[in-house]
Amino acid sequence: MTPMATIEVTSAEDGTSIEADVGDTILLRLADNPTTGYRWEFEPVTGDSLVLTNSGYEPSSGAMGGGGVTTWTLSVIAAGTTSIARKQGRPWEGDASVLDRFTLTVHARL
């Protein structure tokens, strides 16, 4: 039996595909600065092999208004292909405010 793995994904993997096994954990880490009003939001997802289990923001320093990293923890729960997409913008301004987008396709296997 293969041990469960933790797969770290950053903006460097934007637009790519990765492979994971059922039981693995994916840590999606993207630069963020919520003090600006811009936030990462999930866009519609295709597939059902992943479930979001946790999320949190970590400031990179104690400086007021400084940036950091938001991390989303996703568990691989079933075999299949799931595409995830995130967009960074001001939710109340709609798509006109989007600064950045991130997409990833996960091929999950038993």
PDB file of N, CA and C in Angstrom:
ATOM      1  N   MET A   1       0.849  -1.185   0.000  1.00  0.00           N
ATOM      2  CA  MET A   1       0.000   0.000   0.000  1.00  0.00           C
ATOM      3  C   MET A   1       0.893   1.246   0.000  1.00  0.00           C
ATOM      4  N   THR A   2       0.554   2.194  -0.846  1.00  0.00           N
ATOM      5  CA  THR A   2       1.311   3.436  -0.959  1.00  0.00           C
ATOM      6  C   THR A   2       0.936   4.373   0.189  1.00  0.00           C
ATOM      7  N   PRO A   3       1.940   4.951   0.882  1.00  0.00           N
ATOM      8  CA  PRO A   3       1.598   5.903   1.947  1.00  0.00           C
ATOM      9  C   PRO A   3       0.941   7.151   1.369  1.00  0.00           C
ATOM     10  N   MET A   4       0.056   7.757   2.165  1.00  0.00           N
ATOM     11  CA  MET A   4      -0.603   8.985   1.724  1.00  0.00           C
ATOM     12  C   MET A   4       0.426  10.105   1.633  1.00  0.00           C
ATOM     13  N   ALA A   5       0.270  10.938   0.626  1.00  0.00           N
ATOM     14  CA  ALA A   5       1.222  12.023   0.384  1.00  0.00           C
ATOM     15  C   ALA A   5       0.541  13.367   0.573  1.00  0.00           C
ATOM     16  N   THR A   6       1.349  14.366   0.883  1.00  0.00           N
ATOM     17  CA  THR A   6       0.901  15.752   0.889  1.00  0.00           C
ATOM     18  C   THR A   6       1.565  16.428  -0.297  1.00  0.00           C
ATOM     19  N   ILE A   7       0.756  16.960  -1.193  1.00  0.00           N
ATOM     20  CA  ILE A   7       1.246  17.579  -2.425  1.00  0.00           C
ATOM     21  C   ILE A   7       1.052  19.082  -2.300  1.00  0.00           C
ATOM     22  N   GLU A   8       2.157  19.825  -2.322  1.00  0.00           N
ATOM     23  CA  GLU A   8       2.062  21.284  -2.229  1.00  0.00           C
ATOM     24  C   GLU A   8       1.998  21.879  -3.628  1.00  0.00           C
ATOM     25  N   VAL A   9       1.024  22.754  -3.838  1.00  0.00           N
ATOM     26  CA  VAL A   9       0.801  23.391  -5.133  1.00  0.00           C
ATOM     27  C   VAL A   9       0.859  24.900  -4.923  1.00  0.00           C
ATOM     28  N   THR A  10       1.592  25.589  -5.800  1.00  0.00           N
ATOM     29  CA  THR A  10       1.704  27.048  -5.732  1.00  0.00           C
ATOM     30  C   THR A  10       1.340  27.643  -7.088  1.00  0.00           C
ATOM     31  N   SER A  11       1.484  28.945  -7.210  1.00  0.00           N
ATOM     32  CA  SER A  11       1.165  29.615  -8.475  1.00  0.00           C
ATOM     33  C   SER A  11       2.017  29.091  -9.629  1.00  0.00           C
ATOM     34  N   ALA A  12       3.145  28.461  -9.332  1.00  0.00           N
ATOM     35  CA  ALA A  12       3.995  27.897 -10.389  1.00  0.00           C
ATOM     36  C   ALA A  12       3.282  26.788 -11.157  1.00  0.00           C
ATOM     37  N   GLU A  13       2.297  26.147 -10.529  1.00  0.00           N
ATOM     38  CA  GLU A  13       1.547  25.062 -11.182  1.00  0.00           C
ATOM     39  C   GLU A  13       0.277  25.551 -11.875  1.00  0.00           C
ATOM     40  N   ASP A  14       0.072  26.844 -11.960  1.00  0.00           N
ATOM     41  CA  ASP A  14      -1.119  27.393 -12.611  1.00  0.00           C
ATOM     42  C   ASP A  14      -1.246  26.848 -14.031  1.00  0.00           C
ATOM     43  N   GLY A  15      -2.440  26.352 -14.354  1.00  0.00           N
ATOM     44  CA  GLY A  15      -2.718  25.867 -15.699  1.00  0.00           C
ATOM     45  C   GLY A  15      -2.217  24.467 -15.986  1.00  0.00           C
ATOM     46  N   THR A  16      -1.731  23.766 -14.967  1.00  0.00           N
ATOM     47  CA  THR A  16      -1.176  22.430 -15.181  1.00  0.00           C
ATOM     48  C   THR A  16      -2.107  21.353 -14.653  1.00  0.00           C
ATOM     49  N   SER A  17      -1.666  20.113 -14.820  1.00  0.00           N
ATOM     50  CA  SER A  17      -2.349  18.942 -14.276  1.00  0.00           C
ATOM     51  C   SER A  17      -1.396  18.221 -13.341  1.00  0.00           C
ATOM     52  N   ILE A  18      -1.944  17.650 -12.275  1.00  0.00           N
ATOM     53  CA  ILE A  18      -1.144  16.830 -11.374  1.00  0.00           C
ATOM     54  C   ILE A  18      -1.849  15.499 -11.165  1.00  0.00           C
ATOM     55  N   GLU A  19      -1.102  14.511 -10.689  1.00  0.00           N
ATOM     56  CA  GLU A  19      -1.680  13.219 -10.338  1.00  0.00           C
ATOM     57  C   GLU A  19      -1.606  13.049  -8.838  1.00  0.00           C
ATOM     58  N   ALA A  20      -2.642  12.431  -8.276  1.00  0.00           N
ATOM     59  CA  ALA A  20      -2.703  12.187  -6.841  1.00  0.00           C
ATOM     60  C   ALA A  20      -3.435  10.875  -6.612  1.00  0.00           C
ATOM     61  N   ASP A  21      -3.219  10.296  -5.450  1.00  0.00           N
ATOM     62  CA  ASP A  21      -3.904   9.066  -5.068  1.00  0.00           C
ATOM     63  C   ASP A  21      -5.016   9.381  -4.079  1.00  0.00           C
ATOM     64  N   VAL A  22      -6.068   8.558  -4.085  1.00  0.00           N
ATOM     65  CA  VAL A  22      -7.121   8.699  -3.085  1.00  0.00           C
ATOM     66  C   VAL A  22      -6.459   8.601  -1.713  1.00  0.00           C
ATOM     67  N   GLY A  23      -6.786   9.529  -0.835  1.00  0.00           N
ATOM     68  CA  GLY A  23      -6.183   9.593   0.491  1.00  0.00           C
ATOM     69  C   GLY A  23      -5.108  10.658   0.604  1.00  0.00           C
ATOM     70  N   ASP A  24      -4.590  11.133  -0.528  1.00  0.00           N
ATOM     71  CA  ASP A  24      -3.587  12.196  -0.507  1.00  0.00           C
ATOM     72  C   ASP A  24      -4.231  13.521  -0.097  1.00  0.00           C
ATOM     73  N   THR A  25      -3.386  14.447   0.312  1.00  0.00           N
ATOM     74  CA  THR A  25      -3.803  15.803   0.661  1.00  0.00           C
ATOM     75  C   THR A  25      -3.104  16.778  -0.272  1.00  0.00           C
ATOM     76  N   ILE A  26      -3.843  17.746  -0.786  1.00  0.00           N
ATOM     77  CA  ILE A  26      -3.277  18.790  -1.637  1.00  0.00           C
ATOM     78  C   ILE A  26      -3.342  20.105  -0.867  1.00  0.00           C
ATOM     79  N   LEU A  27      -2.181  20.755  -0.737  1.00  0.00           N
ATOM     80  CA  LEU A  27      -2.113  22.078  -0.117  1.00  0.00           C
ATOM     81  C   LEU A  27      -1.927  23.099  -1.224  1.00  0.00           C
ATOM     82  N   LEU A  28      -2.954  23.875  -1.496  1.00  0.00           N
ATOM     83  CA  LEU A  28      -2.889  24.935  -2.502  1.00  0.00           C
ATOM     84  C   LEU A  28      -2.523  26.222  -1.780  1.00  0.00           C
ATOM     85  N   ARG A  29      -1.360  26.791  -2.118  1.00  0.00           N
ATOM     86  CA  ARG A  29      -0.844  27.988  -1.442  1.00  0.00           C
ATOM     87  C   ARG A  29      -0.652  29.098  -2.465  1.00  0.00           C
ATOM     88  N   LEU A  30      -1.403  30.198  -2.292  1.00  0.00           N
ATOM     89  CA  LEU A  30      -1.317  31.327  -3.214  1.00  0.00           C
ATOM     90  C   LEU A  30      -1.082  32.626  -2.449  1.00  0.00           C
ATOM     91  N   ALA A  31      -0.238  33.485  -3.028  1.00  0.00           N
ATOM     92  CA  ALA A  31       0.033  34.795  -2.432  1.00  0.00           C
ATOM     93  C   ALA A  31      -1.277  35.568  -2.305  1.00  0.00           C
ATOM     94  N   ASP A  32      -1.390  36.306  -1.214  1.00  0.00           N
ATOM     95  CA  ASP A  32      -2.643  37.001  -0.938  1.00  0.00           C
ATOM     96  C   ASP A  32      -2.358  38.227  -0.067  1.00  0.00           C
ATOM     97  N   ASN A  33      -3.249  39.192  -0.128  1.00  0.00           N
ATOM     98  CA  ASN A  33      -3.193  40.350   0.760  1.00  0.00           C
ATOM     99  C   ASN A  33      -4.622  40.836   0.974  1.00  0.00           C
ATOM    100  N   PRO A  34      -5.354  40.191   1.900  1.00  0.00           N
ATOM    101  CA  PRO A  34      -6.764  40.535   2.077  1.00  0.00           C
ATOM    102  C   PRO A  34      -7.019  41.960   2.552  1.00  0.00           C
ATOM    103  N   THR A  35      -5.996  42.658   3.051  1.00  0.00           N
ATOM    104  CA  THR A  35      -6.214  44.038   3.490  1.00  0.00           C
ATOM    105  C   THR A  35      -6.547  44.961   2.325  1.00  0.00           C
ATOM    106  N   THR A  36      -6.281  44.526   1.096  1.00  0.00           N
ATOM    107  CA  THR A  36      -6.580  45.330  -0.092  1.00  0.00           C
ATOM    108  C   THR A  36      -8.025  45.179  -0.552  1.00  0.00           C
ATOM    109  N   GLY A  37      -8.748  44.224   0.046  1.00  0.00           N
ATOM    110  CA  GLY A  37     -10.117  43.946  -0.386  1.00  0.00           C
ATOM    111  C   GLY A  37     -10.192  42.864  -1.444  1.00  0.00           C
ATOM    112  N   TYR A  38      -9.057  42.509  -2.030  1.00  0.00           N
ATOM    113  CA  TYR A  38      -9.032  41.438  -3.025  1.00  0.00           C
ATOM    114  C   TYR A  38      -8.963  40.103  -2.303  1.00  0.00           C
ATOM    115  N   ARG A  39      -9.785  39.153  -2.761  1.00  0.00           N
ATOM    116  CA  ARG A  39      -9.829  37.832  -2.137  1.00  0.00           C
ATOM    117  C   ARG A  39      -9.871  36.756  -3.211  1.00  0.00           C
ATOM    118  N   TRP A  40      -9.290  35.612  -2.858  1.00  0.00           N
ATOM    119  CA  TRP A  40      -9.380  34.447  -3.738  1.00  0.00           C
ATOM    120  C   TRP A  40     -10.731  33.780  -3.510  1.00  0.00           C
ATOM    121  N   GLU A  41     -11.430  33.482  -4.604  1.00  0.00           N
ATOM    122  CA  GLU A  41     -12.720  32.794  -4.540  1.00  0.00           C
ATOM    123  C   GLU A  41     -12.677  31.594  -5.475  1.00  0.00           C
ATOM    124  N   PHE A  42     -13.400  30.533  -5.087  1.00  0.00           N
ATOM    125  CA  PHE A  42     -13.542  29.390  -5.979  1.00  0.00           C
ATOM    126  C   PHE A  42     -14.474  29.753  -7.117  1.00  0.00           C
ATOM    127  N   GLU A  43     -14.110  29.331  -8.312  1.00  0.00           N
ATOM    128  CA  GLU A  43     -15.008  29.406  -9.453  1.00  0.00           C
ATOM    129  C   GLU A  43     -15.638  28.023  -9.579  1.00  0.00           C
ATOM    130  N   PRO A  44     -16.627  27.842 -10.446  1.00  0.00           N
ATOM    131  CA  PRO A  44     -17.259  26.536 -10.576  1.00  0.00           C
ATOM    132  C   PRO A  44     -16.218  25.430 -10.799  1.00  0.00           C
ATOM    133  N   VAL A  45     -16.449  24.306 -10.127  1.00  0.00           N
ATOM    134  CA  VAL A  45     -15.534  23.168 -10.162  1.00  0.00           C
ATOM    135  C   VAL A  45     -16.168  22.046 -10.968  1.00  0.00           C
ATOM    136  N   THR A  46     -15.332  21.323 -11.718  1.00  0.00           N
ATOM    137  CA  THR A  46     -15.828  20.135 -12.407  1.00  0.00           C
ATOM    138  C   THR A  46     -15.231  18.915 -11.731  1.00  0.00           C
ATOM    139  N   GLY A  47     -16.020  17.868 -11.584  1.00  0.00           N
ATOM    140  CA  GLY A  47     -15.551  16.644 -10.946  1.00  0.00           C
ATOM    141  C   GLY A  47     -15.864  16.646  -9.460  1.00  0.00           C
ATOM    142  N   ASP A  48     -15.716  15.460  -8.854  1.00  0.00           N
ATOM    143  CA  ASP A  48     -16.053  15.348  -7.431  1.00  0.00           C
ATOM    144  C   ASP A  48     -15.052  14.488  -6.663  1.00  0.00           C
ATOM    145  N   SER A  49     -13.797  14.518  -7.081  1.00  0.00           N
ATOM    146  CA  SER A  49     -12.791  13.708  -6.393  1.00  0.00           C
ATOM    147  C   SER A  49     -12.085  14.458  -5.265  1.00  0.00           C
ATOM    148  N   LEU A  50     -12.373  15.748  -5.093  1.00  0.00           N
ATOM    149  CA  LEU A  50     -11.727  16.553  -4.052  1.00  0.00           C
ATOM    150  C   LEU A  50     -12.764  17.158  -3.120  1.00  0.00           C
ATOM    151  N   VAL A  51     -12.360  17.351  -1.868  1.00  0.00           N
ATOM    152  CA  VAL A  51     -13.203  18.070  -0.916  1.00  0.00           C
ATOM    153  C   VAL A  51     -12.303  19.033  -0.136  1.00  0.00           C
ATOM    154  N   LEU A  52     -12.793  20.267   0.049  1.00  0.00           N
ATOM    155  CA  LEU A  52     -12.069  21.272   0.821  1.00  0.00           C
ATOM    156  C   LEU A  52     -12.227  20.948   2.301  1.00  0.00           C
ATOM    157  N   THR A  53     -11.099  20.782   3.018  1.00  0.00           N
ATOM    158  CA  THR A  53     -11.169  20.428   4.432  1.00  0.00           C
ATOM    159  C   THR A  53     -10.701  21.543   5.358  1.00  0.00           C
ATOM    160  N   ASN A  54      -9.964  22.520   4.820  1.00  0.00           N
ATOM    161  CA  ASN A  54      -9.478  23.595   5.674  1.00  0.00           C
ATOM    162  C   ASN A  54      -8.969  24.739   4.800  1.00  0.00           C
ATOM    163  N   SER A  55      -8.931  25.930   5.363  1.00  0.00           N
ATOM    164  CA  SER A  55      -8.315  27.068   4.680  1.00  0.00           C
ATOM    165  C   SER A  55      -7.868  28.067   5.734  1.00  0.00           C
ATOM    166  N   GLY A  56      -6.857  28.855   5.383  1.00  0.00           N
ATOM    167  CA  GLY A  56      -6.383  29.857   6.322  1.00  0.00           C
ATOM    168  C   GLY A  56      -5.376  30.787   5.682  1.00  0.00           C
ATOM    169  N   TYR A  57      -5.204  31.938   6.300  1.00  0.00           N
ATOM    170  CA  TYR A  57      -4.281  32.960   5.819  1.00  0.00           C
ATOM    171  C   TYR A  57      -3.102  33.062   6.777  1.00  0.00           C
ATOM    172  N   GLU A  58      -1.887  33.157   6.229  1.00  0.00           N
ATOM    173  CA  GLU A  58      -0.674  33.315   7.026  1.00  0.00           C
ATOM    174  C   GLU A  58       0.046  34.579   6.560  1.00  0.00           C
ATOM    175  N   PRO A  59       0.127  35.608   7.412  1.00  0.00           N
ATOM    176  CA  PRO A  59       0.877  36.806   7.010  1.00  0.00           C
ATOM    177  C   PRO A  59       2.363  36.479   6.914  1.00  0.00           C
ATOM    178  N   SER A  60       3.052  37.097   5.964  1.00  0.00           N
ATOM    179  CA  SER A  60       4.481  36.830   5.810  1.00  0.00           C
ATOM    180  C   SER A  60       5.313  37.641   6.794  1.00  0.00           C
ATOM    181  N   SER A  61       4.722  38.674   7.364  1.00  0.00           N
ATOM    182  CA  SER A  61       5.403  39.463   8.393  1.00  0.00           C
ATOM    183  C   SER A  61       4.343  40.082   9.279  1.00  0.00           C
ATOM    184  N   GLY A  62       4.787  40.725  10.334  1.00  0.00           N
ATOM    185  CA  GLY A  62       3.847  41.383  11.228  1.00  0.00           C
ATOM    186  C   GLY A  62       3.480  42.784  10.786  1.00  0.00           C
ATOM    187  N   ALA A  63       3.976  43.211   9.634  1.00  0.00           N
ATOM    188  CA  ALA A  63       3.729  44.571   9.154  1.00  0.00           C
ATOM    189  C   ALA A  63       2.257  44.776   8.812  1.00  0.00           C
ATOM    190  N   MET A  64       1.706  45.879   9.248  1.00  0.00           N
ATOM    191  CA  MET A  64       0.323  46.217   8.958  1.00  0.00           C
ATOM    192  C   MET A  64       0.137  46.363   7.449  1.00  0.00           C
ATOM    193  N   GLY A  65      -0.859  45.672   6.898  1.00  0.00           N
ATOM    194  CA  GLY A  65      -1.143  45.774   5.471  1.00  0.00           C
ATOM    195  C   GLY A  65      -0.232  44.939   4.597  1.00  0.00           C
ATOM    196  N   GLY A  66       0.654  44.175   5.216  1.00  0.00           N
ATOM    197  CA  GLY A  66       1.572  43.335   4.445  1.00  0.00           C
ATOM    198  C   GLY A  66       0.866  42.116   3.882  1.00  0.00           C
ATOM    199  N   GLY A  67       1.444  41.539   2.868  1.00  0.00           N
ATOM    200  CA  GLY A  67       0.868  40.364   2.232  1.00  0.00           C
ATOM    201  C   GLY A  67       1.218  39.085   2.964  1.00  0.00           C
ATOM    202  N   GLY A  68       0.783  37.993   2.398  1.00  0.00           N
ATOM    203  CA  GLY A  68       1.041  36.681   2.966  1.00  0.00           C
ATOM    204  C   GLY A  68       0.599  35.609   1.997  1.00  0.00           C
ATOM    205  N   VAL A  69       0.185  34.474   2.545  1.00  0.00           N
ATOM    206  CA  VAL A  69      -0.213  33.324   1.738  1.00  0.00           C
ATOM    207  C   VAL A  69      -1.515  32.763   2.294  1.00  0.00           C
ATOM    208  N   THR A  70      -2.463  32.476   1.405  1.00  0.00           N
ATOM    209  CA  THR A  70      -3.657  31.740   1.796  1.00  0.00           C
ATOM    210  C   THR A  70      -3.462  30.299   1.366  1.00  0.00           C
ATOM    211  N   THR A  71      -3.787  29.378   2.285  1.00  0.00           N
ATOM    212  CA  THR A  71      -3.639  27.949   2.029  1.00  0.00           C
ATOM    213  C   THR A  71      -5.004  27.284   2.106  1.00  0.00           C
ATOM    214  N   TRP A  72      -5.306  26.462   1.104  1.00  0.00           N
ATOM    215  CA  TRP A  72      -6.509  25.638   1.099  1.00  0.00           C
ATOM    216  C   TRP A  72      -6.061  24.188   1.146  1.00  0.00           C
ATOM    217  N   THR A  73      -6.645  23.409   2.051  1.00  0.00           N
ATOM    218  CA  THR A  73      -6.329  21.991   2.172  1.00  0.00           C
ATOM    219  C   THR A  73      -7.453  21.208   1.508  1.00  0.00           C
ATOM    220  N   LEU A  74      -7.087  20.417   0.519  1.00  0.00           N
ATOM    221  CA  LEU A  74      -8.051  19.608  -0.228  1.00  0.00           C
ATOM    222  C   LEU A  74      -7.710  18.137  -0.031  1.00  0.00           C
ATOM    223  N   SER A  75      -8.706  17.326   0.273  1.00  0.00           N
ATOM    224  CA  SER A  75      -8.506  15.889   0.411  1.00  0.00           C
ATOM    225  C   SER A  75      -8.983  15.194  -0.852  1.00  0.00           C
ATOM    226  N   VAL A  76      -8.195  14.224  -1.316  1.00  0.00           N
ATOM    227  CA  VAL A  76      -8.566  13.424  -2.483  1.00  0.00           C
ATOM    228  C   VAL A  76      -9.427  12.276  -1.964  1.00  0.00           C
ATOM    229  N   ILE A  77     -10.721  12.270  -2.325  1.00  0.00           N
ATOM    230  CA  ILE A  77     -11.659  11.314  -1.738  1.00  0.00           C
ATOM    231  C   ILE A  77     -12.155  10.252  -2.706  1.00  0.00           C
ATOM    232  N   ALA A  78     -11.911  10.431  -4.000  1.00  0.00           N
ATOM    233  CA  ALA A  78     -12.400   9.466  -4.984  1.00  0.00           C
ATOM    234  C   ALA A  78     -11.556   9.562  -6.246  1.00  0.00           C
ATOM    235  N   ALA A  79     -11.524   8.474  -6.992  1.00  0.00           N
ATOM    236  CA  ALA A  79     -10.817   8.484  -8.275  1.00  0.00           C
ATOM    237  C   ALA A  79     -11.611   9.320  -9.271  1.00  0.00           C
ATOM    238  N   GLY A  80     -10.896   9.944 -10.192  1.00  0.00           N
ATOM    239  CA  GLY A  80     -11.536  10.754 -11.222  1.00  0.00           C
ATOM    240  C   GLY A  80     -10.723  11.997 -11.507  1.00  0.00           C
ATOM    241  N   THR A  81     -11.258  12.827 -12.374  1.00  0.00           N
ATOM    242  CA  THR A  81     -10.583  14.067 -12.745  1.00  0.00           C
ATOM    243  C   THR A  81     -11.414  15.247 -12.257  1.00  0.00           C
ATOM    244  N   THR A  82     -10.759  16.141 -11.541  1.00  0.00           N
ATOM    245  CA  THR A  82     -11.420  17.334 -11.019  1.00  0.00           C
ATOM    246  C   THR A  82     -10.611  18.556 -11.410  1.00  0.00           C
ATOM    247  N   SER A  83     -11.277  19.565 -11.934  1.00  0.00           N
ATOM    248  CA  SER A  83     -10.628  20.837 -12.249  1.00  0.00           C
ATOM    249  C   SER A  83     -11.071  21.861 -11.220  1.00  0.00           C
ATOM    250  N   ILE A  84     -10.103  22.600 -10.684  1.00  0.00           N
ATOM    251  CA  ILE A  84     -10.431  23.667  -9.753  1.00  0.00           C
ATOM    252  C   ILE A  84      -9.957  24.985 -10.342  1.00  0.00           C
ATOM    253  N   ALA A  85     -10.665  26.029 -10.010  1.00  0.00           N
ATOM    254  CA  ALA A  85     -10.303  27.361 -10.503  1.00  0.00           C
ATOM    255  C   ALA A  85     -10.552  28.359  -9.386  1.00  0.00           C
ATOM    256  N   ARG A  86      -9.647  29.311  -9.271  1.00  0.00           N
ATOM    257  CA  ARG A  86      -9.777  30.375  -8.292  1.00  0.00           C
ATOM    258  C   ARG A  86      -9.588  31.692  -9.021  1.00  0.00           C
ATOM    259  N   LYS A  87     -10.230  32.708  -8.514  1.00  0.00           N
ATOM    260  CA  LYS A  87     -10.001  34.047  -9.057  1.00  0.00           C
ATOM    261  C   LYS A  87      -9.808  34.996  -7.891  1.00  0.00           C
ATOM    262  N   GLN A  88      -8.921  35.960  -8.087  1.00  0.00           N
ATOM    263  CA  GLN A  88      -8.631  36.940  -7.046  1.00  0.00           C
ATOM    264  C   GLN A  88      -9.202  38.279  -7.483  1.00  0.00           C
ATOM    265  N   GLY A  89     -10.164  38.755  -6.711  1.00  0.00           N
ATOM    266  CA  GLY A  89     -10.799  40.020  -7.043  1.00  0.00           C
ATOM    267  C   GLY A  89     -11.582  40.543  -5.859  1.00  0.00           C
ATOM    268  N   ARG A  90     -12.259  41.632  -6.076  1.00  0.00           N
ATOM    269  CA  ARG A  90     -13.145  42.194  -5.058  1.00  0.00           C
ATOM    270  C   ARG A  90     -14.547  41.677  -5.359  1.00  0.00           C
ATOM    271  N   PRO A  91     -15.079  40.813  -4.500  1.00  0.00           N
ATOM    272  CA  PRO A  91     -16.355  40.156  -4.790  1.00  0.00           C
ATOM    273  C   PRO A  91     -17.485  41.121  -5.126  1.00  0.00           C
ATOM    274  N   TRP A  92     -17.520  42.276  -4.479  1.00  0.00           N
ATOM    275  CA  TRP A  92     -18.615  43.225  -4.700  1.00  0.00           C
ATOM    276  C   TRP A  92     -18.480  43.976  -6.024  1.00  0.00           C
ATOM    277  N   GLU A  93     -17.311  43.881  -6.688  1.00  0.00           N
ATOM    278  CA  GLU A  93     -17.114  44.554  -7.971  1.00  0.00           C
ATOM    279  C   GLU A  93     -17.241  43.611  -9.165  1.00  0.00           C
ATOM    280  N   GLY A  94     -17.391  42.322  -8.916  1.00  0.00           N
ATOM    281  CA  GLY A  94     -17.562  41.363 -10.003  1.00  0.00           C
ATOM    282  C   GLY A  94     -16.276  41.099 -10.773  1.00  0.00           C
ATOM    283  N   ASP A  95     -16.419  40.493 -11.950  1.00  0.00           N
ATOM    284  CA  ASP A  95     -15.265  40.069 -12.745  1.00  0.00           C
ATOM    285  C   ASP A  95     -14.401  41.220 -13.245  1.00  0.00           C
ATOM    286  N   ALA A  96     -14.928  42.433 -13.273  1.00  0.00           N
ATOM    287  CA  ALA A  96     -14.121  43.575 -13.725  1.00  0.00           C
ATOM    288  C   ALA A  96     -12.940  43.835 -12.789  1.00  0.00           C
ATOM    289  N   SER A  97     -13.026  43.350 -11.541  1.00  0.00           N
ATOM    290  CA  SER A  97     -11.964  43.601 -10.563  1.00  0.00           C
ATOM    291  C   SER A  97     -10.945  42.466 -10.471  1.00  0.00           C
ATOM    292  N   VAL A  98     -11.106  41.415 -11.258  1.00  0.00           N
ATOM    293  CA  VAL A  98     -10.224  40.244 -11.133  1.00  0.00           C
ATOM    294  C   VAL A  98      -8.793  40.609 -11.515  1.00  0.00           C
ATOM    295  N   LEU A  99      -7.869  40.371 -10.575  1.00  0.00           N
ATOM    296  CA  LEU A  99      -6.443  40.631 -10.787  1.00  0.00           C
ATOM    297  C   LEU A  99      -5.697  39.399 -11.276  1.00  0.00           C
ATOM    298  N   ASP A 100      -6.147  38.224 -10.819  1.00  0.00           N
ATOM    299  CA  ASP A 100      -5.404  37.001 -11.096  1.00  0.00           C
ATOM    300  C   ASP A 100      -6.362  35.824 -11.107  1.00  0.00           C
ATOM    301  N   ARG A 101      -5.965  34.796 -11.819  1.00  0.00           N
ATOM    302  CA  ARG A 101      -6.723  33.542 -11.859  1.00  0.00           C
ATOM    303  C   ARG A 101      -5.751  32.389 -11.687  1.00  0.00           C
ATOM    304  N   PHE A 102      -6.272  31.281 -11.164  1.00  0.00           N
ATOM    305  CA  PHE A 102      -5.469  30.074 -10.988  1.00  0.00           C
ATOM    306  C   PHE A 102      -6.336  28.881 -11.346  1.00  0.00           C
ATOM    307  N   THR A 103      -5.807  27.969 -12.170  1.00  0.00           N
ATOM    308  CA  THR A 103      -6.525  26.741 -12.499  1.00  0.00           C
ATOM    309  C   THR A 103      -5.594  25.552 -12.321  1.00  0.00           C
ATOM    310  N   LEU A 104      -6.174  24.422 -11.961  1.00  0.00           N
ATOM    311  CA  LEU A 104      -5.425  23.185 -11.765  1.00  0.00           C
ATOM    312  C   LEU A 104      -6.357  22.023 -12.040  1.00  0.00           C
ATOM    313  N   THR A 105      -5.859  21.013 -12.735  1.00  0.00           N
ATOM    314  CA  THR A 105      -6.602  19.780 -12.947  1.00  0.00           C
ATOM    315  C   THR A 105      -5.920  18.684 -12.150  1.00  0.00           C
ATOM    316  N   VAL A 106      -6.714  17.946 -11.375  1.00  0.00           N
ATOM    317  CA  VAL A 106      -6.188  16.856 -10.556  1.00  0.00           C
ATOM    318  C   VAL A 106      -6.737  15.548 -11.096  1.00  0.00           C
ATOM    319  N   HIS A 107      -5.832  14.652 -11.460  1.00  0.00           N
ATOM    320  CA  HIS A 107      -6.195  13.301 -11.887  1.00  0.00           C
ATOM    321  C   HIS A 107      -5.980  12.393 -10.680  1.00  0.00           C
ATOM    322  N   ALA A 108      -7.075  11.973 -10.054  1.00  0.00           N
ATOM    323  CA  ALA A 108      -7.000  11.149  -8.847  1.00  0.00           C
ATOM    324  C   ALA A 108      -7.181   9.681  -9.214  1.00  0.00           C
ATOM    325  N   ARG A 109      -6.341   8.858  -8.628  1.00  0.00           N
ATOM    326  CA  ARG A 109      -6.403   7.417  -8.911  1.00  0.00           C
ATOM    327  C   ARG A 109      -6.498   6.652  -7.595  1.00  0.00           C
ATOM    328  N   LEU A 110      -7.012   5.423  -7.708  1.00  0.00           N
ATOM    329  CA  LEU A 110      -7.131   4.564  -6.517  1.00  0.00           C
ATOM    330  C   LEU A 110      -5.778   4.086  -6.063  1.00  0.00           C
TER     331      LEU A 110
END
